[in-house]
C-alpha atoms as a PDB file:
ATOM      1  CA  UNK A   1     -15.088  11.660  -0.881  1.00  0.00           C
ATOM      2  CA  UNK A   2     -12.907  14.470   0.313  1.00  0.00           C
ATOM      3  CA  UNK A   3     -10.033  13.640   2.693  1.00  0.00           C
ATOM      4  CA  UNK A   4      -9.138  15.614   5.638  1.00  0.00           C
ATOM      5  CA  UNK A   5      -5.884  17.210   6.252  1.00  0.00           C
ATOM      6  CA  UNK A   6      -5.440  14.739   9.167  1.00  0.00           C
ATOM      7  CA  UNK A   7      -6.043  11.772   6.745  1.00  0.00           C
ATOM      8  CA  UNK A   8      -3.670  13.197   4.383  1.00  0.00           C
ATOM      9  CA  UNK A   9      -0.946  13.517   6.991  1.00  0.00           C
ATOM     10  CA  UNK A  10      -1.242   9.817   7.872  1.00  0.00           C
ATOM     11  CA  UNK A  11      -1.282   8.569   4.569  1.00  0.00           C
ATOM     12  CA  UNK A  12       1.545  10.788   3.634  1.00  0.00           C
ATOM     13  CA  UNK A  13       3.864   9.366   6.706  1.00  0.00           C
ATOM     14  CA  UNK A  14       2.714   5.999   6.050  1.00  0.00           C
ATOM     15  CA  UNK A  15       3.689   6.040   2.228  1.00  0.00           C
ATOM     16  CA  UNK A  16       6.728   7.971   2.833  1.00  0.00           C
ATOM     17  CA  UNK A  17       7.827   5.125   5.510  1.00  0.00           C
ATOM     18  CA  UNK A  18       7.019   2.387   3.160  1.00  0.00           C
ATOM     19  CA  UNK A  19       8.854   3.957   0.160  1.00  0.00           C
ATOM     20  CA  UNK A  20      12.041   5.133   2.112  1.00  0.00           C
ATOM     21  CA  UNK A  21      12.294   1.605   3.330  1.00  0.00           C
ATOM     22  CA  UNK A  22      11.379  -0.194   0.152  1.00  0.00           C
ATOM     23  CA  UNK A  23      14.142   1.992  -1.754  1.00  0.00           C
ATOM     24  CA  UNK A  24      16.712   1.653   0.772  1.00  0.00           C
ATOM     25  CA  UNK A  25      16.219  -2.224   0.522  1.00  0.00           C
ATOM     26  CA  UNK A  26      16.413  -2.422  -3.143  1.00  0.00           C
ATOM     27  CA  UNK A  27      19.427  -0.401  -3.337  1.00  0.00           C
ATOM     28  CA  UNK A  28      20.992  -2.815  -0.549  1.00  0.00           C
ATOM     29  CA  UNK A  29      19.868  -5.875  -2.527  1.00  0.00           C
ATOM     30  CA  UNK A  30      21.044  -4.582  -5.564  1.00  0.00           C
ATOM     31  CA  UNK A  31      24.573  -3.443  -4.360  1.00  0.00           C
ATOM     32  CA  UNK A  32      25.590  -5.262  -1.438  1.00  0.00           C
ATOM     33  CA  UNK A  33      26.421  -9.103  -1.614  1.00  0.00           C
ATOM     34  CA  UNK A  34      24.340 -10.848   0.966  1.00  0.00           C
ATOM     35  CA  UNK A  35      25.517 -12.813   3.680  1.00  0.00           C
ATOM     36  CA  UNK A  36      24.695 -16.272   3.896  1.00  0.00           C
ATOM     37  CA  UNK A  37      24.826 -19.381   6.436  1.00  0.00           C
ATOM     38  CA  UNK A  38      27.746 -20.442   4.498  1.00  0.00           C
ATOM     39  CA  UNK A  39      29.763 -17.213   3.589  1.00  0.00           C
ATOM     40  CA  UNK A  40      30.017 -13.858   4.995  1.00  0.00           C
ATOM     41  CA  UNK A  41      28.660 -11.344   2.816  1.00  0.00           C
ATOM     42  CA  UNK A  42      30.277  -7.909   2.034  1.00  0.00           C
ATOM     43  CA  UNK A  43      30.340  -5.175   4.830  1.00  0.00           C
ATOM     44  CA  UNK A  44      30.693  -1.471   4.299  1.00  0.00           C
ATOM     45  CA  UNK A  45      31.926   0.831   6.731  1.00  0.00           C
ATOM     46  CA  UNK A  46      30.024   3.876   7.186  1.00  0.00           C
ATOM     47  CA  UNK A  47      31.785   5.105  10.264  1.00  0.00           C
ATOM     48  CA  UNK A  48      34.649   2.965  11.261  1.00  0.00           C
ATOM     49  CA  UNK A  49      33.530  -0.147  13.082  1.00  0.00           C
ATOM     50  CA  UNK A  50      30.848   1.498  14.735  1.00  0.00           C
ATOM     51  CA  UNK A  51      28.250   1.832  11.862  1.00  0.00           C
ATOM     52  CA  UNK A  52      28.306  -0.755   9.300  1.00  0.00           C
ATOM     53  CA  UNK A  53      25.919  -1.593   6.291  1.00  0.00           C
ATOM     54  CA  UNK A  54      25.489  -5.400   5.074  1.00  0.00           C
ATOM     55  CA  UNK A  55      22.883  -7.492   3.565  1.00  0.00           C
ATOM     56  CA  UNK A  56      21.239 -10.072   5.710  1.00  0.00           C
ATOM     57  CA  UNK A  57      17.942 -11.844   4.799  1.00  0.00           C
ATOM     58  CA  UNK A  58      15.851 -12.255   7.943  1.00  0.00           C
ATOM     59  CA  UNK A  59      13.349 -14.794   7.765  1.00  0.00           C
ATOM     60  CA  UNK A  60      12.098 -14.197  11.596  1.00  0.00           C
ATOM     61  CA  UNK A  61      11.055 -11.218  13.310  1.00  0.00           C
ATOM     62  CA  UNK A  62      13.170  -8.843  15.606  1.00  0.00           C
ATOM     63  CA  UNK A  63      16.741  -9.995  15.693  1.00  0.00           C
ATOM     64  CA  UNK A  64      15.893 -13.288  13.739  1.00  0.00           C
ATOM     65  CA  UNK A  65      13.348 -14.542  16.495  1.00  0.00           C
ATOM     66  CA  UNK A  66      10.890 -17.139  14.946  1.00  0.00           C
ATOM     67  CA  UNK A  67      12.935 -17.987  11.975  1.00  0.00           C
ATOM     68  CA  UNK A  68      13.080 -21.520  13.259  1.00  0.00           C
ATOM     69  CA  UNK A  69       9.531 -21.980  13.735  1.00  0.00           C
ATOM     70  CA  UNK A  70       7.625 -24.360  11.505  1.00  0.00           C
ATOM     71  CA  UNK A  71       5.963 -22.841   8.346  1.00  0.00           C
ATOM     72  CA  UNK A  72       2.302 -22.628   9.965  1.00  0.00           C
ATOM     73  CA  UNK A  73       3.515 -20.831  13.105  1.00  0.00           C
ATOM     74  CA  UNK A  74       5.790 -18.306  11.032  1.00  0.00           C
ATOM     75  CA  UNK A  75       2.500 -17.659   9.009  1.00  0.00           C
ATOM     76  CA  UNK A  76       0.509 -16.794  12.077  1.00  0.00           C
ATOM     77  CA  UNK A  77       3.252 -14.962  14.228  1.00  0.00           C
ATOM     78  CA  UNK A  78       4.971 -13.163  11.317  1.00  0.00           C
ATOM     79  CA  UNK A  79       2.165 -12.313   8.682  1.00  0.00           C
ATOM     80  CA  UNK A  80      -1.281 -12.848   9.989  1.00  0.00           C
ATOM     81  CA  UNK A  81      -0.939 -11.493  13.528  1.00  0.00           C
ATOM     82  CA  UNK A  82       1.245  -8.289  12.356  1.00  0.00           C
ATOM     83  CA  UNK A  83      -1.533  -7.817   9.716  1.00  0.00           C
ATOM     84  CA  UNK A  84      -4.370  -7.873  12.259  1.00  0.00           C
ATOM     85  CA  UNK A  85      -2.349  -5.339  14.576  1.00  0.00           C
ATOM     86  CA  UNK A  86      -1.700  -3.158  11.834  1.00  0.00           C
ATOM     87  CA  UNK A  87      -5.251  -2.947  10.902  1.00  0.00           C
ATOM     88  CA  UNK A  88      -6.309  -2.463  14.690  1.00  0.00           C
ATOM     89  CA  UNK A  89      -3.676   0.490  14.944  1.00  0.00           C
ATOM     90  CA  UNK A  90      -4.544   2.019  11.349  1.00  0.00           C
ATOM     91  CA  UNK A  91      -8.366   1.904  12.589  1.00  0.00           C
ATOM     92  CA  UNK A  92      -7.523   3.523  15.928  1.00  0.00           C
ATOM     93  CA  UNK A  93      -5.665   6.333  14.716  1.00  0.00           C
ATOM     94  CA  UNK A  94      -8.383   7.096  11.956  1.00  0.00           C
ATOM     95  CA  UNK A  95     -11.100   6.797  14.351  1.00  0.00           C
ATOM     96  CA  UNK A  96      -9.340   8.814  17.602  1.00  0.00           C
ATOM     97  CA  UNK A  97      -9.824  12.499  16.646  1.00  0.00           C
ATOM     98  CA  UNK A  98      -8.117  13.569  19.863  1.00  0.00           C
ATOM     99  CA  UNK A  99      -4.670  12.133  19.120  1.00  0.00           C
ATOM    100  CA  UNK A 100      -1.981  15.138  18.776  1.00  0.00           C
ATOM    101  CA  UNK A 101       0.006  15.399  15.457  1.00  0.00           C
ATOM    102  CA  UNK A 102       3.379  13.822  17.379  1.00  0.00           C
ATOM    103  CA  UNK A 103       1.220  10.715  18.275  1.00  0.00           C
ATOM    104  CA  UNK A 104      -0.123  10.559  14.674  1.00  0.00           C
ATOM    105  CA  UNK A 105       3.322  10.812  13.348  1.00  0.00           C
ATOM    106  CA  UNK A 106       4.392   8.103  15.845  1.00  0.00           C
ATOM    107  CA  UNK A 107       1.657   5.694  14.889  1.00  0.00           C
ATOM    108  CA  UNK A 108       1.839   6.285  11.426  1.00  0.00           C
ATOM    109  CA  UNK A 109       5.548   5.518  11.367  1.00  0.00           C
ATOM    110  CA  UNK A 110       4.700   2.172  13.145  1.00  0.00           C
ATOM    111  CA  UNK A 111       1.863   1.322  10.837  1.00  0.00           C
ATOM    112  CA  UNK A 112       4.230   2.297   7.683  1.00  0.00           C
ATOM    113  CA  UNK A 113       7.375   0.279   9.071  1.00  0.00           C
ATOM    114  CA  UNK A 114       4.897  -2.892   9.692  1.00  0.00           C
ATOM    115  CA  UNK A 115       3.447  -2.628   6.386  1.00  0.00           C
ATOM    116  CA  UNK A 116       6.903  -2.481   4.737  1.00  0.00           C
ATOM    117  CA  UNK A 117       8.284  -5.574   6.799  1.00  0.00           C
ATOM    118  CA  UNK A 118       5.147  -7.551   6.059  1.00  0.00           C
ATOM    119  CA  UNK A 119       5.358  -6.668   2.454  1.00  0.00           C
ATOM    120  CA  UNK A 120       8.787  -8.158   2.341  1.00  0.00           C
ATOM    121  CA  UNK A 121       7.795 -11.392   4.003  1.00  0.00           C
ATOM    122  CA  UNK A 122       4.892 -11.796   1.548  1.00  0.00           C
ATOM    123  CA  UNK A 123       7.114 -10.905  -1.579  1.00  0.00           C
ATOM    124  CA  UNK A 124      10.370 -12.100  -0.742  1.00  0.00           C
ATOM    125  CA  UNK A 125       9.705 -14.620   1.886  1.00  0.00           C
ATOM    126  CA  UNK A 126      12.229 -12.771   4.223  1.00  0.00           C
ATOM    127  CA  UNK A 127      12.814  -9.133   5.356  1.00  0.00           C
ATOM    128  CA  UNK A 128      16.349  -7.473   4.125  1.00  0.00           C
ATOM    129  CA  UNK A 129      18.210  -5.909   6.985  1.00  0.00           C
ATOM    130  CA  UNK A 130      21.549  -3.833   6.650  1.00  0.00           C
ATOM    131  CA  UNK A 131      22.386  -1.583   9.312  1.00  0.00           C
ATOM    132  CA  UNK A 132      24.392  -2.659  12.389  1.00  0.00           C
ATOM    133  CA  UNK A 133      25.704  -0.189  15.077  1.00  0.00           C
ATOM    134  CA  UNK A 134      28.436  -1.317  17.610  1.00  0.00           C
ATOM    135  CA  UNK A 135      29.815   1.590  19.743  1.00  0.00           C
ATOM    136  CA  UNK A 136      32.625  -0.596  21.492  1.00  0.00           C
ATOM    137  CA  UNK A 137      30.381  -2.771  23.977  1.00  0.00           C
ATOM    138  CA  UNK A 138      28.688   0.522  25.202  1.00  0.00           C
ATOM    139  CA  UNK A 139      25.759   0.155  22.832  1.00  0.00           C
ATOM    140  CA  UNK A 140      25.309  -2.527  20.149  1.00  0.00           C
ATOM    141  CA  UNK A 141      22.395  -3.641  18.060  1.00  0.00           C
ATOM    142  CA  UNK A 142      21.083  -6.325  15.819  1.00  0.00           C
ATOM    143  CA  UNK A 143      20.932  -5.771  12.292  1.00  0.00           C
ATOM    144  CA  UNK A 144      18.223  -3.734  11.413  1.00  0.00           C
ATOM    145  CA  UNK A 145      16.643  -1.582   8.446  1.00  0.00           C
ATOM    146  CA  UNK A 146      14.706   1.600   8.014  1.00  0.00           C
ATOM    147  CA  UNK A 147      11.190  -0.062   8.738  1.00  0.00           C
ATOM    148  CA  UNK A 148      12.517  -1.279  12.109  1.00  0.00           C
ATOM    149  CA  UNK A 149      13.905   2.204  12.639  1.00  0.00           C
ATOM    150  CA  UNK A 150      10.595   3.747  11.959  1.00  0.00           C
ATOM    151  CA  UNK A 151       9.120   1.327  14.228  1.00  0.00           C
ATOM    152  CA  UNK A 152      11.513   1.902  17.101  1.00  0.00           C
ATOM    153  CA  UNK A 153      11.297   5.621  16.706  1.00  0.00           C
ATOM    154  CA  UNK A 154       7.512   5.707  16.583  1.00  0.00           C
ATOM    155  CA  UNK A 155       7.531   3.741  19.966  1.00  0.00           C
ATOM    156  CA  UNK A 156      10.045   5.957  21.675  1.00  0.00           C
ATOM    157  CA  UNK A 157       7.829   8.969  20.636  1.00  0.00           C
ATOM    158  CA  UNK A 158       4.647   7.334  21.934  1.00  0.00           C
ATOM    159  CA  UNK A 159       6.507   6.545  25.398  1.00  0.00           C
ATOM    160  CA  UNK A 160       7.860  10.110  25.674  1.00  0.00           C
ATOM    161  CA  UNK A 161       4.494  11.659  24.716  1.00  0.00           C
ATOM    162  CA  UNK A 162       2.954   9.524  27.265  1.00  0.00           C
ATOM    163  CA  UNK A 163       5.349  10.858  30.054  1.00  0.00           C
ATOM    164  CA  UNK A 164       4.544  14.251  28.970  1.00  0.00           C
ATOM    165  CA  UNK A 165       0.841  13.952  29.323  1.00  0.00           C
ATOM    166  CA  UNK A 166       1.354  12.351  32.644  1.00  0.00           C
ATOM    167  CA  UNK A 167       3.397  15.112  33.792  1.00  0.00           C
ATOM    168  CA  UNK A 168       0.707  17.757  32.536  1.00  0.00           C
ATOM    169  CA  UNK A 169      -2.348  15.909  34.494  1.00  0.00           C
ATOM    170  CA  UNK A 170      -0.156  15.778  37.553  1.00  0.00           C
END
C-alpha cells in the first residue's frame, strides 16, 4: 500500500507532536523533583516569575478537572471517551480530502496531543504537566505540557481558519 503525500503529512505531524511531548515529559520526570500534595516540588524559573517549569502529575484532565471522580467515571471520561473522539477525528481528517493543509496541521496536532496525553494516562496513571505562565495578573495559565499546547494551538488555528472561510464566502 502506497501512502499519499497527504497521509504522510498527517502521520508526520502526529508522530512529531507525540515525540516532542513524550521527550519533554521524560526530561521533566528525570530532572525536576515532582510536586506532591504534601511537599512543594522544584520550580525552575525560565523567565523570572512569568514563565516557570515544575513537575506536577495530573490525574485529571484540563486543570486537574475530574481527578476526584470515582475510578469508573475517570476511565470513561479520561480514557474511553477521549480515545473515541481521537479515532473519530483521525477518521475525519483521513476521509475528508477537502481539508486545506493548515486545517490538516491543526487536526493532526490535536490528535497527536490527545494521543500523547492518553498514552500517559494508560502508562503512568497520570499526565505530567510542567509549564506555568503568569504575566502579573493580566494572563495566567494552569500548569500544562507540550501535548496541551499542541491541542490548544490546533484549536486556535481551526477557529482562525473558520473565520477566514466565513469571510471569503460572504
